[in-house]
Amino acid sequence: MTGWGRKDAVSIILREHQQLTTAIGGMLRFVRLRENGSTTPGLAVLRSILYYIREYPERIHHPKEERYLFARIRARTTEIDDVLNDLDRQHAEGEAKVRDLEDALTRYELTGISALPALSDRVQQYVTFYANHRRIEEDVVLPVALRTLTAEDWAEVDAAFGANRDPFEGVELEDDLDKLYRMIANIIPEVRA
């Protein structure tokens, strides 16, 4: 059981949120280290973080939230329809923000230090964007879900979040992304102020 009084989908959602927060924090630390002139791993690490963000939250986590969790909430109550609609928009906006981050990283790779401020700005915007997004899901959506969804609803949501598979190869995608996450979380040192 979690502090939310459930396990399964809720604990998976919270774990995925925490993993994404860690990856985003690694991206921010990486850019700050570069701004300070400190030694960092190669830019492939930053590219790996963006890959993780694009593949896991944007292609697995968010679509499952929309298709299963948000849909089941909408079937039970209309009290947070505006919030859910806004989160759906944020999911689409998040994909565009990741593309912008990838573009800013490519410009930095090609032009060097002069492009670092733009990359840093985009990273900070994404950090702020995601922190707000996570807060809404955890402080508004999950409490409503816990209050309104039935056992049958949770069975469907739990099954969906428990089965993260690569649709192209039929292998466990979650295992590969978990390995990538561990690499990201361990490779970039904390920035000391």
C-alpha atoms as a PDB file:
ATOM      1  CA  MET A   1       0.000   0.000   0.000  1.00  0.00           C
ATOM      2  CA  THR A   2       1.110   3.574  -0.578  1.00  0.00           C
ATOM      3  CA  GLY A   3       0.478   6.688   1.448  1.00  0.00           C
ATOM      4  CA  TRP A   4      -2.501   7.136  -0.856  1.00  0.00           C
ATOM      5  CA  GLY A   5      -4.118   3.976   0.512  1.00  0.00           C
ATOM      6  CA  ARG A   6      -3.668   1.982  -2.731  1.00  0.00           C
ATOM      7  CA  LYS A   7      -1.021   0.172  -4.631  1.00  0.00           C
ATOM      8  CA  ASP A   8      -0.849  -0.736  -8.298  1.00  0.00           C
ATOM      9  CA  ALA A   9      -1.769   2.118 -10.673  1.00  0.00           C
ATOM     10  CA  VAL A  10      -1.447   4.918  -8.132  1.00  0.00           C
ATOM     11  CA  SER A  11       1.944   3.704  -6.925  1.00  0.00           C
ATOM     12  CA  ILE A  12       3.069   3.236 -10.542  1.00  0.00           C
ATOM     13  CA  ILE A  13       1.907   6.758 -11.448  1.00  0.00           C
ATOM     14  CA  LEU A  14       3.675   8.248  -8.429  1.00  0.00           C
ATOM     15  CA  ARG A  15       6.856   6.270  -9.153  1.00  0.00           C
ATOM     16  CA  GLU A  16       6.805   7.375 -12.794  1.00  0.00           C
ATOM     17  CA  HIS A  17       6.271  10.988 -11.726  1.00  0.00           C
ATOM     18  CA  GLN A  18       9.248  10.723  -9.367  1.00  0.00           C
ATOM     19  CA  GLN A  19      11.421   9.129 -12.050  1.00  0.00           C
ATOM     20  CA  LEU A  20      10.531  11.870 -14.521  1.00  0.00           C
ATOM     21  CA  THR A  21      11.258  14.511 -11.880  1.00  0.00           C
ATOM     22  CA  THR A  22      14.676  12.924 -11.326  1.00  0.00           C
ATOM     23  CA  ALA A  23      15.408  12.822 -15.075  1.00  0.00           C
ATOM     24  CA  ILE A  24      14.339  16.449 -15.486  1.00  0.00           C
ATOM     25  CA  GLY A  25      16.440  17.394 -12.469  1.00  0.00           C
ATOM     26  CA  GLY A  26      19.395  15.658 -14.117  1.00  0.00           C
ATOM     27  CA  MET A  27      18.810  17.691 -17.257  1.00  0.00           C
ATOM     28  CA  LEU A  28      18.767  20.908 -15.212  1.00  0.00           C
ATOM     29  CA  ARG A  29      21.923  19.908 -13.300  1.00  0.00           C
ATOM     30  CA  PHE A  30      23.660  19.093 -16.574  1.00  0.00           C
ATOM     31  CA  VAL A  31      22.889  22.507 -18.049  1.00  0.00           C
ATOM     32  CA  ARG A  32      23.870  24.333 -14.847  1.00  0.00           C
ATOM     33  CA  LEU A  33      27.178  22.471 -14.742  1.00  0.00           C
ATOM     34  CA  ARG A  34      27.812  23.517 -18.353  1.00  0.00           C
ATOM     35  CA  GLU A  35      26.926  27.132 -17.513  1.00  0.00           C
ATOM     36  CA  ASN A  36      29.403  27.060 -14.620  1.00  0.00           C
ATOM     37  CA  GLY A  37      32.123  25.659 -16.868  1.00  0.00           C
ATOM     38  CA  SER A  38      32.235  22.452 -14.837  1.00  0.00           C
ATOM     39  CA  THR A  39      33.064  19.083 -16.298  1.00  0.00           C
ATOM     40  CA  THR A  40      30.022  17.128 -17.444  1.00  0.00           C
ATOM     41  CA  PRO A  41      29.471  13.858 -19.195  1.00  0.00           C
ATOM     42  CA  GLY A  42      29.134  14.111 -22.975  1.00  0.00           C
ATOM     43  CA  LEU A  43      26.075  15.603 -24.617  1.00  0.00           C
ATOM     44  CA  ALA A  44      24.863  12.070 -25.354  1.00  0.00           C
ATOM     45  CA  VAL A  45      23.724  11.973 -21.727  1.00  0.00           C
ATOM     46  CA  LEU A  46      21.481  14.985 -22.239  1.00  0.00           C
ATOM     47  CA  ARG A  47      20.199  13.430 -25.454  1.00  0.00           C
ATOM     48  CA  SER A  48      19.476  10.222 -23.461  1.00  0.00           C
ATOM     49  CA  ILE A  49      17.463  12.190 -20.920  1.00  0.00           C
ATOM     50  CA  LEU A  50      15.379  13.721 -23.706  1.00  0.00           C
ATOM     51  CA  TYR A  51      14.899  10.265 -25.226  1.00  0.00           C
ATOM     52  CA  TYR A  52      13.682   8.979 -21.850  1.00  0.00           C
ATOM     53  CA  ILE A  53      11.237  11.881 -21.522  1.00  0.00           C
ATOM     54  CA  ARG A  54       9.961  11.416 -25.072  1.00  0.00           C
ATOM     55  CA  GLU A  55       9.611   7.635 -24.866  1.00  0.00           C
ATOM     56  CA  TYR A  56       8.280   7.039 -21.392  1.00  0.00           C
ATOM     57  CA  PRO A  57       6.064   9.891 -20.239  1.00  0.00           C
ATOM     58  CA  GLU A  58       5.074  11.158 -23.663  1.00  0.00           C
ATOM     59  CA  ARG A  59       4.387   7.812 -25.366  1.00  0.00           C
ATOM     60  CA  ILE A  60       3.416   5.512 -22.493  1.00  0.00           C
ATOM     61  CA  HIS A  61       2.543   7.333 -19.267  1.00  0.00           C
ATOM     62  CA  HIS A  62       0.476  10.260 -20.555  1.00  0.00           C
ATOM     63  CA  PRO A  63      -1.574   8.278 -23.102  1.00  0.00           C
ATOM     64  CA  LYS A  64      -2.461   5.782 -20.362  1.00  0.00           C
ATOM     65  CA  GLU A  65      -3.493   8.577 -18.020  1.00  0.00           C
ATOM     66  CA  GLU A  66      -5.800   9.949 -20.697  1.00  0.00           C
ATOM     67  CA  ARG A  67      -7.207   6.654 -21.964  1.00  0.00           C
ATOM     68  CA  TYR A  68      -7.710   4.925 -18.626  1.00  0.00           C
ATOM     69  CA  LEU A  69      -7.473   7.164 -15.562  1.00  0.00           C
ATOM     70  CA  PHE A  70      -8.940  10.369 -16.986  1.00  0.00           C
ATOM     71  CA  ALA A  71     -11.612   8.491 -18.965  1.00  0.00           C
ATOM     72  CA  ARG A  72     -12.741   6.545 -15.890  1.00  0.00           C
ATOM     73  CA  ILE A  73     -12.895   9.765 -13.839  1.00  0.00           C
ATOM     74  CA  ARG A  74     -14.959  11.432 -16.578  1.00  0.00           C
ATOM     75  CA  ALA A  75     -17.342   8.472 -16.513  1.00  0.00           C
ATOM     76  CA  ARG A  76     -17.896   8.916 -12.759  1.00  0.00           C
ATOM     77  CA  THR A  77     -17.929  12.700 -12.263  1.00  0.00           C
ATOM     78  CA  THR A  78     -17.819  16.001 -14.126  1.00  0.00           C
ATOM     79  CA  GLU A  79     -16.366  17.965 -11.216  1.00  0.00           C
ATOM     80  CA  ILE A  80     -12.843  18.183 -12.699  1.00  0.00           C
ATOM     81  CA  ASP A  81     -13.597  18.045 -16.430  1.00  0.00           C
ATOM     82  CA  ASP A  82     -11.924  21.438 -16.952  1.00  0.00           C
ATOM     83  CA  VAL A  83      -8.827  20.228 -15.109  1.00  0.00           C
ATOM     84  CA  LEU A  84      -8.698  17.032 -17.169  1.00  0.00           C
ATOM     85  CA  ASN A  85      -9.138  18.978 -20.403  1.00  0.00           C
ATOM     86  CA  ASP A  86      -6.286  21.250 -19.374  1.00  0.00           C
ATOM     87  CA  LEU A  87      -4.082  18.245 -18.556  1.00  0.00           C
ATOM     88  CA  ASP A  88      -4.867  16.727 -21.972  1.00  0.00           C
ATOM     89  CA  ARG A  89      -3.681  20.010 -23.535  1.00  0.00           C
ATOM     90  CA  GLN A  90      -0.594  19.960 -21.334  1.00  0.00           C
ATOM     91  CA  HIS A  91       0.229  16.440 -22.516  1.00  0.00           C
ATOM     92  CA  ALA A  92       0.203  17.678 -26.125  1.00  0.00           C
ATOM     93  CA  GLU A  93       2.154  20.780 -25.111  1.00  0.00           C
ATOM     94  CA  GLY A  94       4.703  18.591 -23.333  1.00  0.00           C
ATOM     95  CA  GLU A  95       5.486  16.771 -26.576  1.00  0.00           C
ATOM     96  CA  ALA A  96       6.074  20.111 -28.315  1.00  0.00           C
ATOM     97  CA  LYS A  97       8.289  21.267 -25.445  1.00  0.00           C
ATOM     98  CA  VAL A  98      10.410  18.120 -25.736  1.00  0.00           C
ATOM     99  CA  ARG A  99      10.861  18.794 -29.465  1.00  0.00           C
ATOM    100  CA  ASP A 100      11.911  22.355 -28.598  1.00  0.00           C
ATOM    101  CA  LEU A 101      14.430  20.977 -26.099  1.00  0.00           C
ATOM    102  CA  GLU A 102      15.814  18.594 -28.720  1.00  0.00           C
ATOM    103  CA  ASP A 103      16.097  21.473 -31.196  1.00  0.00           C
ATOM    104  CA  ALA A 104      17.869  23.660 -28.617  1.00  0.00           C
ATOM    105  CA  LEU A 105      20.277  20.818 -27.827  1.00  0.00           C
ATOM    106  CA  THR A 106      21.026  20.322 -31.524  1.00  0.00           C
ATOM    107  CA  ARG A 107      21.730  24.060 -31.914  1.00  0.00           C
ATOM    108  CA  TYR A 108      24.060  23.865 -28.911  1.00  0.00           C
ATOM    109  CA  GLU A 109      25.832  20.844 -30.397  1.00  0.00           C
ATOM    110  CA  LEU A 110      26.300  22.682 -33.692  1.00  0.00           C
ATOM    111  CA  THR A 111      27.095  26.227 -32.553  1.00  0.00           C
ATOM    112  CA  GLY A 112      28.591  25.788 -29.100  1.00  0.00           C
ATOM    113  CA  ILE A 113      28.490  28.012 -26.053  1.00  0.00           C
ATOM    114  CA  SER A 114      26.511  30.818 -27.689  1.00  0.00           C
ATOM    115  CA  ALA A 115      23.472  28.504 -27.813  1.00  0.00           C
ATOM    116  CA  LEU A 116      23.746  27.442 -24.150  1.00  0.00           C
ATOM    117  CA  PRO A 117      21.550  30.276 -22.764  1.00  0.00           C
ATOM    118  CA  ALA A 118      18.677  29.278 -25.074  1.00  0.00           C
ATOM    119  CA  LEU A 119      19.045  25.614 -24.079  1.00  0.00           C
ATOM    120  CA  SER A 120      19.154  26.561 -20.413  1.00  0.00           C
ATOM    121  CA  ASP A 121      16.036  28.702 -20.802  1.00  0.00           C
ATOM    122  CA  ARG A 122      14.133  25.864 -22.470  1.00  0.00           C
ATOM    123  CA  VAL A 123      15.215  23.429 -19.757  1.00  0.00           C
ATOM    124  CA  GLN A 124      14.050  25.809 -17.011  1.00  0.00           C
ATOM    125  CA  GLN A 125      10.716  26.306 -18.787  1.00  0.00           C
ATOM    126  CA  TYR A 126      10.243  22.533 -18.961  1.00  0.00           C
ATOM    127  CA  VAL A 127      11.148  22.125 -15.269  1.00  0.00           C
ATOM    128  CA  THR A 128       8.493  24.693 -14.313  1.00  0.00           C
ATOM    129  CA  PHE A 129       5.941  23.264 -16.755  1.00  0.00           C
ATOM    130  CA  TYR A 130       6.350  19.710 -15.474  1.00  0.00           C
ATOM    131  CA  ALA A 131       6.333  20.684 -11.771  1.00  0.00           C
ATOM    132  CA  ASN A 132       2.954  22.375 -12.260  1.00  0.00           C
ATOM    133  CA  HIS A 133       1.630  19.449 -14.297  1.00  0.00           C
ATOM    134  CA  ARG A 134       2.686  16.905 -11.670  1.00  0.00           C
ATOM    135  CA  ARG A 135       1.206  19.004  -8.852  1.00  0.00           C
ATOM    136  CA  ILE A 136      -2.207  19.124 -10.560  1.00  0.00           C
ATOM    137  CA  GLU A 137      -2.246  15.384 -11.189  1.00  0.00           C
ATOM    138  CA  GLU A 138      -1.194  14.498  -7.658  1.00  0.00           C
ATOM    139  CA  ASP A 139      -3.104  17.176  -5.723  1.00  0.00           C
ATOM    140  CA  VAL A 140      -6.327  17.263  -7.761  1.00  0.00           C
ATOM    141  CA  VAL A 141      -6.735  14.251 -10.059  1.00  0.00           C
ATOM    142  CA  LEU A 142      -5.556  11.376  -7.891  1.00  0.00           C
ATOM    143  CA  PRO A 143      -7.649  12.382  -4.844  1.00  0.00           C
ATOM    144  CA  VAL A 144     -10.767  12.599  -7.051  1.00  0.00           C
ATOM    145  CA  ALA A 145      -9.912   9.240  -8.621  1.00  0.00           C
ATOM    146  CA  LEU A 146      -9.494   7.610  -5.208  1.00  0.00           C
ATOM    147  CA  ARG A 147     -12.828   9.023  -4.103  1.00  0.00           C
ATOM    148  CA  THR A 148     -14.909   8.272  -7.205  1.00  0.00           C
ATOM    149  CA  LEU A 149     -13.583   5.239  -9.088  1.00  0.00           C
ATOM    150  CA  THR A 150     -15.072   1.813  -8.511  1.00  0.00           C
ATOM    151  CA  ALA A 151     -13.227  -1.479  -7.998  1.00  0.00           C
ATOM    152  CA  GLU A 152     -13.926  -2.318 -11.657  1.00  0.00           C
ATOM    153  CA  ASP A 153     -12.501   1.044 -12.743  1.00  0.00           C
ATOM    154  CA  TRP A 154      -9.353   0.435 -10.698  1.00  0.00           C
ATOM    155  CA  ALA A 155      -8.952  -3.065 -12.116  1.00  0.00           C
ATOM    156  CA  GLU A 156      -8.854  -1.576 -15.621  1.00  0.00           C
ATOM    157  CA  VAL A 157      -6.537   1.290 -14.656  1.00  0.00           C
ATOM    158  CA  ASP A 158      -4.242  -1.018 -12.653  1.00  0.00           C
ATOM    159  CA  ALA A 159      -3.984  -3.460 -15.570  1.00  0.00           C
ATOM    160  CA  ALA A 160      -3.185  -0.671 -18.026  1.00  0.00           C
ATOM    161  CA  PHE A 161      -0.415   0.844 -15.927  1.00  0.00           C
ATOM    162  CA  GLY A 162       0.984  -2.559 -15.036  1.00  0.00           C
ATOM    163  CA  ALA A 163       1.497  -3.580 -18.679  1.00  0.00           C
ATOM    164  CA  ASN A 164       3.966  -1.185 -20.290  1.00  0.00           C
ATOM    165  CA  ARG A 165       5.131  -2.957 -23.419  1.00  0.00           C
ATOM    166  CA  ASP A 166       6.831  -1.944 -26.632  1.00  0.00           C
ATOM    167  CA  PRO A 167       4.164  -2.337 -29.332  1.00  0.00           C
ATOM    168  CA  PHE A 168       6.772  -2.848 -32.073  1.00  0.00           C
ATOM    169  CA  GLU A 169       8.954  -5.546 -30.580  1.00  0.00           C
ATOM    170  CA  GLY A 170       6.710  -7.177 -28.003  1.00  0.00           C
ATOM    171  CA  VAL A 171       9.379  -6.868 -25.308  1.00  0.00           C
ATOM    172  CA  GLU A 172       9.187  -5.182 -21.954  1.00  0.00           C
ATOM    173  CA  LEU A 173       9.865  -1.508 -22.683  1.00  0.00           C
ATOM    174  CA  GLU A 174       9.633  -0.585 -19.032  1.00  0.00           C
ATOM    175  CA  ASP A 175      12.751  -2.639 -18.186  1.00  0.00           C
ATOM    176  CA  ASP A 176      14.855  -0.867 -20.819  1.00  0.00           C
ATOM    177  CA  LEU A 177      13.595   2.541 -19.762  1.00  0.00           C
ATOM    178  CA  ASP A 178      14.211   1.674 -16.102  1.00  0.00           C
ATOM    179  CA  LYS A 179      17.840   0.871 -16.996  1.00  0.00           C
ATOM    180  CA  LEU A 180      18.111   4.175 -18.860  1.00  0.00           C
ATOM    181  CA  TYR A 181      16.560   5.990 -15.897  1.00  0.00           C
ATOM    182  CA  ARG A 182      19.100   4.458 -13.479  1.00  0.00           C
ATOM    183  CA  MET A 183      21.936   5.529 -15.771  1.00  0.00           C
ATOM    184  CA  ILE A 184      20.564   9.078 -15.955  1.00  0.00           C
ATOM    185  CA  ALA A 185      19.987   9.295 -12.203  1.00  0.00           C
ATOM    186  CA  ASN A 186      23.541   8.157 -11.438  1.00  0.00           C
ATOM    187  CA  ILE A 187      25.640   9.875 -14.086  1.00  0.00           C
ATOM    188  CA  ILE A 188      25.042  13.566 -13.415  1.00  0.00           C
ATOM    189  CA  PRO A 189      26.358  14.807 -10.065  1.00  0.00           C
ATOM    190  CA  GLU A 190      24.385  17.139  -7.858  1.00  0.00           C
ATOM    191  CA  VAL A 191      25.203  20.799  -8.406  1.00  0.00           C
ATOM    192  CA  ARG A 192      26.781  22.284  -5.314  1.00  0.00           C
ATOM    193  CA  ALA A 193      25.836  25.920  -4.760  1.00  0.00           C
END
